[in-house]
């Protein structure tokens, strides 16, 4: 079954739809309790401070949009090795009923355009090791390469606070 959809940059009026997709993604990744973002946090950090950007795929046309079917949330980083910016895809999610209709490919195509416009050397993202359907898509359709020599690291909350213990105090 074909589906009509369109993609556009998210705006502040899309916060509720974005959060619904994030909650659905967290449930899919078997971590619903980890999705703690709020509308106020999204408004502040995405649309006011612009720490991240998002593309949304909607059912229907731009003139007659329906529900949000998918989202790509991304931000820019920088590579000291290439001397250029990079685009980091934080989350890409397509609702289960809208999968295998070209929405994920179309979101990646839009990300590719943005990466080219910004002269990005790389487009990076992470994928859970058990998510074999996505990994197969990335490797076969996108020809993405796994970063097997790299291991992701993270500090949260108290871990970030503990970094202050490493501070050098000068007189």
N, C-alpha and C. Protein backbone atom coordinates (compact mmCIF):
# COMPACT_ATOMS: atom_id res chain seq x y z
N UNK A 1 0.84 -1.19 0.00
CA UNK A 1 0.00 0.00 0.00
C UNK A 1 0.88 1.24 0.00
N UNK A 2 0.63 2.13 -0.94
CA UNK A 2 1.37 3.38 -0.99
C UNK A 2 0.83 4.36 0.03
N UNK A 3 1.70 5.26 0.42
CA UNK A 3 1.33 6.26 1.40
C UNK A 3 1.82 7.62 0.89
N UNK A 4 1.01 8.63 1.06
CA UNK A 4 1.43 9.98 0.70
C UNK A 4 1.95 10.64 1.96
N UNK A 5 3.17 11.18 1.86
CA UNK A 5 3.76 11.86 3.02
C UNK A 5 4.62 13.00 2.53
N UNK A 6 4.94 13.88 3.43
CA UNK A 6 5.86 14.97 3.15
C UNK A 6 6.75 15.18 4.37
N UNK A 7 7.91 15.79 4.13
CA UNK A 7 8.88 16.04 5.20
C UNK A 7 9.13 17.53 5.27
N UNK A 8 9.21 18.02 6.49
CA UNK A 8 9.55 19.43 6.70
C UNK A 8 10.29 19.59 8.02
N UNK A 9 11.01 20.71 8.18
CA UNK A 9 11.64 20.97 9.47
C UNK A 9 10.58 21.13 10.55
N UNK A 10 10.87 20.64 11.72
CA UNK A 10 9.94 20.78 12.84
C UNK A 10 9.92 22.24 13.31
N UNK A 11 8.79 22.64 13.87
CA UNK A 11 8.70 23.95 14.51
C UNK A 11 8.10 23.77 15.89
N UNK A 12 8.07 24.84 16.65
CA UNK A 12 7.66 24.77 18.05
C UNK A 12 6.25 24.20 18.22
N UNK A 13 5.40 24.35 17.21
CA UNK A 13 4.05 23.81 17.29
C UNK A 13 4.01 22.29 17.16
N UNK A 14 5.14 21.68 16.82
CA UNK A 14 5.23 20.23 16.64
C UNK A 14 5.69 19.49 17.89
N UNK A 15 5.91 20.19 18.97
CA UNK A 15 6.51 19.57 20.16
C UNK A 15 5.74 18.35 20.63
N UNK A 16 4.43 18.42 20.70
CA UNK A 16 3.65 17.27 21.18
C UNK A 16 3.81 16.07 20.25
N UNK A 17 3.79 16.30 18.95
CA UNK A 17 3.98 15.20 17.99
C UNK A 17 5.38 14.61 18.12
N UNK A 18 6.37 15.46 18.32
CA UNK A 18 7.74 15.00 18.49
C UNK A 18 7.87 14.12 19.73
N UNK A 19 7.31 14.59 20.83
CA UNK A 19 7.38 13.83 22.07
C UNK A 19 6.66 12.49 21.96
N UNK A 20 5.57 12.45 21.24
CA UNK A 20 4.86 11.18 21.02
C UNK A 20 5.76 10.20 20.27
N UNK A 21 6.46 10.68 19.24
CA UNK A 21 7.37 9.82 18.49
C UNK A 21 8.54 9.36 19.37
N UNK A 22 9.05 10.25 20.22
CA UNK A 22 10.14 9.88 21.13
C UNK A 22 9.67 8.82 22.12
N UNK A 23 8.47 8.98 22.64
CA UNK A 23 7.94 7.97 23.57
C UNK A 23 7.74 6.63 22.87
N UNK A 24 7.27 6.67 21.63
CA UNK A 24 7.11 5.43 20.86
C UNK A 24 8.48 4.78 20.60
N UNK A 25 9.48 5.60 20.29
CA UNK A 25 10.84 5.08 20.08
C UNK A 25 11.37 4.44 21.36
N UNK A 26 11.18 5.10 22.48
CA UNK A 26 11.65 4.55 23.76
C UNK A 26 10.99 3.21 24.05
N UNK A 27 9.71 3.09 23.77
CA UNK A 27 9.01 1.82 23.97
C UNK A 27 9.58 0.76 23.02
N UNK A 28 9.82 1.12 21.76
CA UNK A 28 10.40 0.19 20.79
C UNK A 28 11.78 -0.29 21.24
N UNK A 29 12.56 0.62 21.84
CA UNK A 29 13.89 0.28 22.32
C UNK A 29 13.87 -0.34 23.72
N UNK A 30 12.67 -0.66 24.19
CA UNK A 30 12.47 -1.34 25.48
C UNK A 30 12.97 -0.51 26.66
N UNK A 31 12.86 0.82 26.55
CA UNK A 31 13.29 1.71 27.62
C UNK A 31 12.29 2.86 27.82
N UNK A 32 11.00 2.57 27.95
CA UNK A 32 10.02 3.67 28.04
C UNK A 32 10.27 4.62 29.21
N UNK A 33 10.82 4.10 30.30
CA UNK A 33 11.08 4.95 31.48
C UNK A 33 12.21 5.94 31.24
N UNK A 34 13.01 5.73 30.22
CA UNK A 34 14.14 6.62 29.94
C UNK A 34 13.73 7.89 29.21
N UNK A 35 12.56 7.90 28.60
CA UNK A 35 12.09 9.08 27.87
C UNK A 35 11.49 10.07 28.87
N UNK A 36 12.33 10.99 29.34
CA UNK A 36 11.92 11.94 30.38
C UNK A 36 11.77 13.37 29.85
N UNK A 37 11.92 13.56 28.54
CA UNK A 37 11.79 14.90 27.97
C UNK A 37 10.37 15.42 28.18
N UNK A 38 10.28 16.72 28.31
CA UNK A 38 8.98 17.38 28.49
C UNK A 38 8.78 18.40 27.37
N UNK A 39 7.55 18.85 27.17
CA UNK A 39 7.33 19.90 26.17
C UNK A 39 8.18 21.15 26.45
N UNK A 40 8.29 21.53 27.71
CA UNK A 40 9.08 22.73 28.05
C UNK A 40 10.55 22.53 27.69
N UNK A 41 11.09 21.35 27.96
CA UNK A 41 12.50 21.08 27.62
C UNK A 41 12.72 21.09 26.12
N UNK A 42 11.80 20.51 25.35
CA UNK A 42 11.93 20.53 23.90
C UNK A 42 11.84 21.96 23.37
N UNK A 43 10.86 22.72 23.86
CA UNK A 43 10.72 24.12 23.39
C UNK A 43 12.00 24.90 23.66
N UNK A 44 12.53 24.79 24.88
CA UNK A 44 13.71 25.54 25.26
C UNK A 44 14.95 25.09 24.49
N UNK A 45 15.22 23.81 24.51
CA UNK A 45 16.51 23.32 24.00
C UNK A 45 16.57 23.11 22.50
N UNK A 46 15.44 22.83 21.87
CA UNK A 46 15.44 22.65 20.41
C UNK A 46 15.09 23.96 19.71
N UNK A 47 14.04 24.63 20.17
CA UNK A 47 13.54 25.77 19.40
C UNK A 47 14.03 27.13 19.89
N UNK A 48 14.42 27.25 21.15
CA UNK A 48 14.96 28.52 21.63
C UNK A 48 16.49 28.51 21.59
N UNK A 49 17.11 27.55 22.23
CA UNK A 49 18.57 27.49 22.28
C UNK A 49 19.17 26.82 21.05
N UNK A 50 18.34 26.10 20.31
CA UNK A 50 18.75 25.45 19.04
C UNK A 50 19.92 24.49 19.20
N UNK A 51 19.90 23.72 20.28
CA UNK A 51 20.91 22.68 20.49
C UNK A 51 20.74 21.52 19.51
N UNK A 52 19.54 21.37 18.98
CA UNK A 52 19.25 20.29 18.04
C UNK A 52 18.23 20.79 17.02
N UNK A 53 18.07 19.99 15.98
CA UNK A 53 17.11 20.28 14.92
C UNK A 53 16.34 19.00 14.63
N UNK A 54 15.19 19.14 14.02
CA UNK A 54 14.42 17.94 13.70
C UNK A 54 13.71 18.09 12.37
N UNK A 55 13.59 16.97 11.69
CA UNK A 55 12.77 16.84 10.50
C UNK A 55 11.61 15.93 10.86
N UNK A 56 10.43 16.28 10.38
CA UNK A 56 9.26 15.45 10.63
C UNK A 56 8.65 15.00 9.31
N UNK A 57 8.20 13.76 9.27
CA UNK A 57 7.46 13.23 8.14
C UNK A 57 5.99 13.15 8.56
N UNK A 58 5.14 13.75 7.75
CA UNK A 58 3.71 13.77 8.03
C UNK A 58 2.94 13.02 6.96
N UNK A 59 1.88 12.38 7.35
CA UNK A 59 0.93 11.78 6.44
C UNK A 59 0.30 12.92 5.62
N UNK A 60 -0.02 12.66 4.37
CA UNK A 60 -0.69 13.65 3.54
C UNK A 60 0.28 14.59 2.87
N UNK A 61 -0.23 15.73 2.46
CA UNK A 61 0.57 16.72 1.74
C UNK A 61 0.86 17.91 2.65
N UNK A 62 1.75 18.78 2.19
CA UNK A 62 2.06 19.97 2.99
C UNK A 62 0.84 20.88 3.10
N UNK A 63 -0.04 20.83 2.10
CA UNK A 63 -1.26 21.65 2.15
C UNK A 63 -2.32 21.04 3.05
N UNK A 64 -2.30 19.72 3.18
CA UNK A 64 -3.29 19.01 4.01
C UNK A 64 -2.57 17.94 4.83
N UNK A 65 -1.75 18.38 5.80
CA UNK A 65 -0.98 17.40 6.58
C UNK A 65 -1.86 16.60 7.54
N UNK A 66 -1.41 15.37 7.75
CA UNK A 66 -2.07 14.50 8.72
C UNK A 66 -1.19 14.36 9.94
N UNK A 67 -1.12 13.14 10.46
CA UNK A 67 -0.35 12.89 11.68
C UNK A 67 1.13 12.73 11.36
N UNK A 68 1.95 12.95 12.39
CA UNK A 68 3.40 12.75 12.24
C UNK A 68 3.67 11.25 12.19
N UNK A 69 4.41 10.83 11.15
CA UNK A 69 4.72 9.42 10.94
C UNK A 69 6.15 9.08 11.33
N UNK A 70 7.03 10.08 11.31
CA UNK A 70 8.43 9.81 11.58
C UNK A 70 9.19 11.08 11.89
N UNK A 71 10.39 10.89 12.45
CA UNK A 71 11.20 12.03 12.85
C UNK A 71 12.68 11.68 12.77
N UNK A 72 13.46 12.67 12.39
CA UNK A 72 14.93 12.59 12.48
C UNK A 72 15.37 13.79 13.30
N UNK A 73 15.97 13.54 14.46
CA UNK A 73 16.47 14.59 15.33
C UNK A 73 17.99 14.56 15.28
N UNK A 74 18.61 15.71 15.00
CA UNK A 74 20.04 15.75 14.76
C UNK A 74 20.66 17.02 15.32
N UNK A 75 21.99 17.02 15.41
CA UNK A 75 22.75 18.21 15.80
C UNK A 75 24.10 18.16 15.10
N UNK A 76 24.81 19.26 15.16
CA UNK A 76 26.11 19.33 14.51
C UNK A 76 27.23 19.16 15.54
N UNK A 77 28.29 18.50 15.11
CA UNK A 77 29.49 18.34 15.91
C UNK A 77 30.67 18.81 15.07
N UNK A 78 31.87 18.51 15.47
CA UNK A 78 33.05 18.97 14.73
C UNK A 78 34.13 17.90 14.78
N UNK A 79 34.78 17.68 13.66
CA UNK A 79 35.87 16.71 13.58
C UNK A 79 37.21 17.43 13.54
N UNK A 80 38.05 17.17 14.53
CA UNK A 80 39.39 17.76 14.52
C UNK A 80 40.23 17.14 13.41
N UNK A 81 39.92 15.92 13.01
CA UNK A 81 40.71 15.25 11.98
C UNK A 81 40.42 15.81 10.59
N UNK A 82 39.15 16.13 10.32
CA UNK A 82 38.82 16.66 9.00
C UNK A 82 38.79 18.19 8.97
N UNK A 83 38.69 18.80 10.15
CA UNK A 83 38.56 20.25 10.21
C UNK A 83 37.22 20.75 9.73
N UNK A 84 36.22 19.86 9.72
CA UNK A 84 34.90 20.21 9.22
C UNK A 84 33.82 19.80 10.22
N UNK A 85 32.64 20.39 10.06
CA UNK A 85 31.52 19.95 10.91
C UNK A 85 31.07 18.56 10.50
N UNK A 86 30.34 17.96 11.41
CA UNK A 86 29.68 16.69 11.15
C UNK A 86 28.24 16.80 11.58
N UNK A 87 27.43 15.91 11.09
CA UNK A 87 26.02 15.86 11.49
C UNK A 87 25.84 14.57 12.28
N UNK A 88 25.33 14.69 13.50
CA UNK A 88 25.06 13.51 14.32
C UNK A 88 23.56 13.31 14.41
N UNK A 89 23.11 12.16 13.95
CA UNK A 89 21.70 11.80 14.01
C UNK A 89 21.43 11.16 15.37
N UNK A 90 20.74 11.88 16.22
CA UNK A 90 20.44 11.39 17.57
C UNK A 90 19.37 10.32 17.53
N UNK A 91 18.30 10.58 16.80
CA UNK A 91 17.21 9.62 16.70
C UNK A 91 16.56 9.69 15.33
N UNK A 92 16.28 8.53 14.79
CA UNK A 92 15.44 8.42 13.60
C UNK A 92 14.40 7.37 13.93
N UNK A 93 13.14 7.74 13.79
CA UNK A 93 12.07 6.82 14.13
C UNK A 93 10.93 6.98 13.14
N UNK A 94 10.40 5.85 12.70
CA UNK A 94 9.21 5.82 11.85
C UNK A 94 8.19 4.92 12.55
N UNK A 95 6.97 5.39 12.67
CA UNK A 95 5.91 4.61 13.31
C UNK A 95 5.76 3.26 12.62
N UNK A 96 5.51 2.20 13.39
CA UNK A 96 5.44 0.85 12.81
C UNK A 96 4.51 0.73 11.60
N UNK A 97 3.33 1.36 11.65
CA UNK A 97 2.37 1.23 10.54
C UNK A 97 2.84 1.94 9.28
N UNK A 98 3.86 2.81 9.40
CA UNK A 98 4.35 3.58 8.25
C UNK A 98 5.71 3.09 7.75
N UNK A 99 6.20 2.00 8.30
CA UNK A 99 7.51 1.49 7.89
C UNK A 99 7.43 0.80 6.54
N UNK A 100 8.59 0.72 5.89
CA UNK A 100 8.72 0.09 4.57
C UNK A 100 7.89 0.81 3.50
N UNK A 101 7.74 2.12 3.67
CA UNK A 101 7.01 2.94 2.70
C UNK A 101 7.91 4.04 2.13
N UNK A 102 9.20 4.02 2.50
CA UNK A 102 10.14 5.02 1.98
C UNK A 102 10.37 6.21 2.88
N UNK A 103 9.74 6.25 4.05
CA UNK A 103 9.87 7.41 4.93
C UNK A 103 11.27 7.49 5.53
N UNK A 104 11.80 6.37 6.01
CA UNK A 104 13.16 6.37 6.56
C UNK A 104 14.17 6.80 5.51
N UNK A 105 14.04 6.27 4.29
CA UNK A 105 14.95 6.65 3.20
C UNK A 105 14.83 8.14 2.91
N UNK A 106 13.60 8.64 2.88
CA UNK A 106 13.39 10.06 2.58
C UNK A 106 13.97 10.95 3.69
N UNK A 107 13.86 10.53 4.95
CA UNK A 107 14.46 11.30 6.04
C UNK A 107 15.98 11.31 5.89
N UNK A 108 16.57 10.17 5.56
CA UNK A 108 18.02 10.13 5.33
C UNK A 108 18.41 11.01 4.14
N UNK A 109 17.61 11.01 3.09
CA UNK A 109 17.90 11.87 1.93
C UNK A 109 17.93 13.33 2.34
N UNK A 110 16.98 13.74 3.18
CA UNK A 110 16.95 15.13 3.65
C UNK A 110 18.16 15.43 4.53
N UNK A 111 18.54 14.48 5.38
CA UNK A 111 19.73 14.66 6.21
C UNK A 111 20.98 14.80 5.33
N UNK A 112 21.03 14.01 4.26
CA UNK A 112 22.15 14.11 3.33
C UNK A 112 22.24 15.49 2.70
N UNK A 113 21.10 16.05 2.32
CA UNK A 113 21.08 17.41 1.75
C UNK A 113 21.62 18.42 2.76
N UNK A 114 21.17 18.30 3.99
CA UNK A 114 21.61 19.23 5.04
C UNK A 114 23.11 19.08 5.26
N UNK A 115 23.59 17.83 5.34
CA UNK A 115 25.02 17.59 5.54
C UNK A 115 25.84 18.19 4.40
N UNK A 116 25.36 18.08 3.18
CA UNK A 116 26.07 18.67 2.05
C UNK A 116 26.03 20.19 2.11
N UNK A 117 24.88 20.77 2.42
CA UNK A 117 24.75 22.23 2.52
C UNK A 117 25.70 22.80 3.57
N UNK A 118 25.89 22.07 4.67
CA UNK A 118 26.74 22.53 5.77
C UNK A 118 28.19 22.07 5.62
N UNK A 119 28.51 21.42 4.49
CA UNK A 119 29.86 20.94 4.22
C UNK A 119 30.35 19.98 5.30
N UNK A 120 29.47 19.09 5.73
CA UNK A 120 29.82 18.12 6.77
C UNK A 120 30.69 17.01 6.18
N UNK A 121 31.70 16.63 6.92
CA UNK A 121 32.57 15.54 6.51
C UNK A 121 31.94 14.18 6.80
N UNK A 122 31.05 14.14 7.79
CA UNK A 122 30.49 12.86 8.24
C UNK A 122 29.04 13.02 8.65
N UNK A 123 28.34 11.90 8.59
CA UNK A 123 27.02 11.78 9.18
C UNK A 123 27.10 10.53 10.06
N UNK A 124 27.01 10.71 11.35
CA UNK A 124 27.17 9.61 12.31
C UNK A 124 25.86 9.37 13.06
N UNK A 125 25.69 8.13 13.51
CA UNK A 125 24.59 7.79 14.40
C UNK A 125 24.93 6.49 15.11
N UNK A 126 24.15 6.18 16.11
CA UNK A 126 24.31 4.92 16.86
C UNK A 126 23.06 4.08 16.63
N UNK A 127 23.24 2.78 16.74
CA UNK A 127 22.12 1.86 16.63
C UNK A 127 22.33 0.75 17.65
N UNK A 128 21.25 0.34 18.30
CA UNK A 128 21.34 -0.75 19.26
C UNK A 128 21.71 -2.04 18.54
N UNK A 129 22.58 -2.81 19.15
CA UNK A 129 23.10 -4.03 18.51
C UNK A 129 22.01 -5.04 18.17
N UNK A 130 20.93 -5.07 18.94
CA UNK A 130 19.86 -6.03 18.67
C UNK A 130 18.93 -5.58 17.56
N UNK A 131 19.05 -4.34 17.10
CA UNK A 131 18.14 -3.80 16.09
C UNK A 131 18.58 -4.21 14.68
N UNK A 132 18.51 -5.50 14.43
CA UNK A 132 19.02 -6.05 13.17
C UNK A 132 18.29 -5.53 11.92
N UNK A 133 16.98 -5.26 11.96
CA UNK A 133 16.36 -4.71 10.74
C UNK A 133 16.96 -3.35 10.35
N UNK A 134 17.19 -2.50 11.35
CA UNK A 134 17.79 -1.19 11.05
C UNK A 134 19.23 -1.34 10.60
N UNK A 135 19.99 -2.20 11.26
CA UNK A 135 21.38 -2.40 10.87
C UNK A 135 21.47 -2.89 9.42
N UNK A 136 20.61 -3.82 9.06
CA UNK A 136 20.60 -4.33 7.69
C UNK A 136 20.28 -3.20 6.70
N UNK A 137 19.32 -2.36 7.03
CA UNK A 137 18.98 -1.21 6.17
C UNK A 137 20.18 -0.27 6.03
N UNK A 138 20.82 0.06 7.14
CA UNK A 138 21.95 0.99 7.11
C UNK A 138 23.10 0.42 6.27
N UNK A 139 23.40 -0.85 6.46
CA UNK A 139 24.54 -1.44 5.76
C UNK A 139 24.23 -1.72 4.29
N UNK A 140 23.05 -2.23 4.00
CA UNK A 140 22.73 -2.63 2.62
C UNK A 140 22.23 -1.48 1.77
N UNK A 141 21.29 -0.72 2.28
CA UNK A 141 20.69 0.35 1.48
C UNK A 141 21.53 1.63 1.50
N UNK A 142 22.05 1.99 2.67
CA UNK A 142 22.81 3.23 2.79
C UNK A 142 24.31 3.03 2.58
N UNK A 143 24.75 1.77 2.66
CA UNK A 143 26.17 1.43 2.58
C UNK A 143 26.97 2.08 3.72
N UNK A 144 26.32 2.19 4.88
CA UNK A 144 26.99 2.71 6.07
C UNK A 144 27.94 1.66 6.62
N UNK A 145 28.98 2.12 7.27
CA UNK A 145 29.98 1.22 7.83
C UNK A 145 29.92 1.27 9.36
N UNK A 146 29.90 0.08 9.97
CA UNK A 146 29.89 0.00 11.43
C UNK A 146 31.24 0.47 11.97
N UNK A 147 31.20 1.18 13.07
CA UNK A 147 32.41 1.68 13.73
C UNK A 147 32.81 0.68 14.81
N UNK A 148 33.25 -0.49 14.38
CA UNK A 148 33.50 -1.59 15.31
C UNK A 148 34.67 -1.35 16.25
N UNK A 149 35.58 -0.48 15.90
CA UNK A 149 36.74 -0.21 16.76
C UNK A 149 36.44 0.83 17.83
N UNK A 150 35.26 1.43 17.77
CA UNK A 150 34.89 2.48 18.71
C UNK A 150 33.85 1.96 19.69
N UNK A 151 33.90 2.45 20.91
CA UNK A 151 32.92 2.12 21.92
C UNK A 151 32.36 3.44 22.46
N UNK A 152 31.06 3.55 22.49
CA UNK A 152 30.43 4.75 23.02
C UNK A 152 30.63 4.86 24.53
N UNK A 153 30.80 6.07 25.01
CA UNK A 153 30.96 6.33 26.44
C UNK A 153 29.95 7.42 26.82
N UNK A 154 29.54 7.43 28.10
CA UNK A 154 28.54 8.41 28.53
C UNK A 154 28.69 8.71 30.01
N UNK A 155 28.48 9.96 30.35
CA UNK A 155 28.30 10.39 31.73
C UNK A 155 26.92 11.04 31.82
N UNK A 156 26.22 10.80 32.90
CA UNK A 156 24.94 11.44 33.15
C UNK A 156 24.94 12.00 34.57
N UNK A 157 24.09 12.96 34.83
CA UNK A 157 23.84 13.48 36.17
C UNK A 157 25.03 13.54 37.09
N UNK A 158 25.08 12.59 38.04
CA UNK A 158 26.13 12.56 39.06
C UNK A 158 27.50 12.39 38.42
N UNK A 159 27.60 11.63 37.35
CA UNK A 159 28.88 11.45 36.66
C UNK A 159 29.42 12.77 36.14
N UNK A 160 28.55 13.60 35.60
CA UNK A 160 28.97 14.93 35.13
C UNK A 160 29.38 15.79 36.31
N UNK A 161 28.59 15.73 37.36
CA UNK A 161 28.90 16.50 38.57
C UNK A 161 30.25 16.08 39.16
N UNK A 162 30.55 14.81 39.12
CA UNK A 162 31.81 14.29 39.66
C UNK A 162 33.02 14.83 38.92
N UNK A 163 32.85 15.31 37.71
CA UNK A 163 33.99 15.88 36.96
C UNK A 163 34.59 17.09 37.67
N UNK A 164 33.80 17.75 38.50
CA UNK A 164 34.31 18.91 39.23
C UNK A 164 35.44 18.52 40.18
N UNK A 165 35.44 17.26 40.61
CA UNK A 165 36.51 16.78 41.49
C UNK A 165 37.88 16.76 40.78
N UNK A 166 37.83 16.78 39.45
CA UNK A 166 39.06 16.75 38.66
C UNK A 166 39.60 18.15 38.38
N UNK A 167 38.85 19.16 38.75
CA UNK A 167 39.23 20.55 38.48
C UNK A 167 40.52 20.92 39.19
N UNK A 168 41.37 21.66 38.48
CA UNK A 168 42.61 22.15 39.06
C UNK A 168 42.32 23.54 39.64
N UNK A 169 42.59 23.69 40.91
CA UNK A 169 42.34 24.97 41.57
C UNK A 169 43.64 25.75 41.58
N UNK A 170 43.60 26.94 41.01
CA UNK A 170 44.80 27.80 41.00
C UNK A 170 44.59 28.97 41.95
N UNK A 171 45.69 29.43 42.50
CA UNK A 171 45.61 30.53 43.45
C UNK A 171 45.71 31.85 42.74
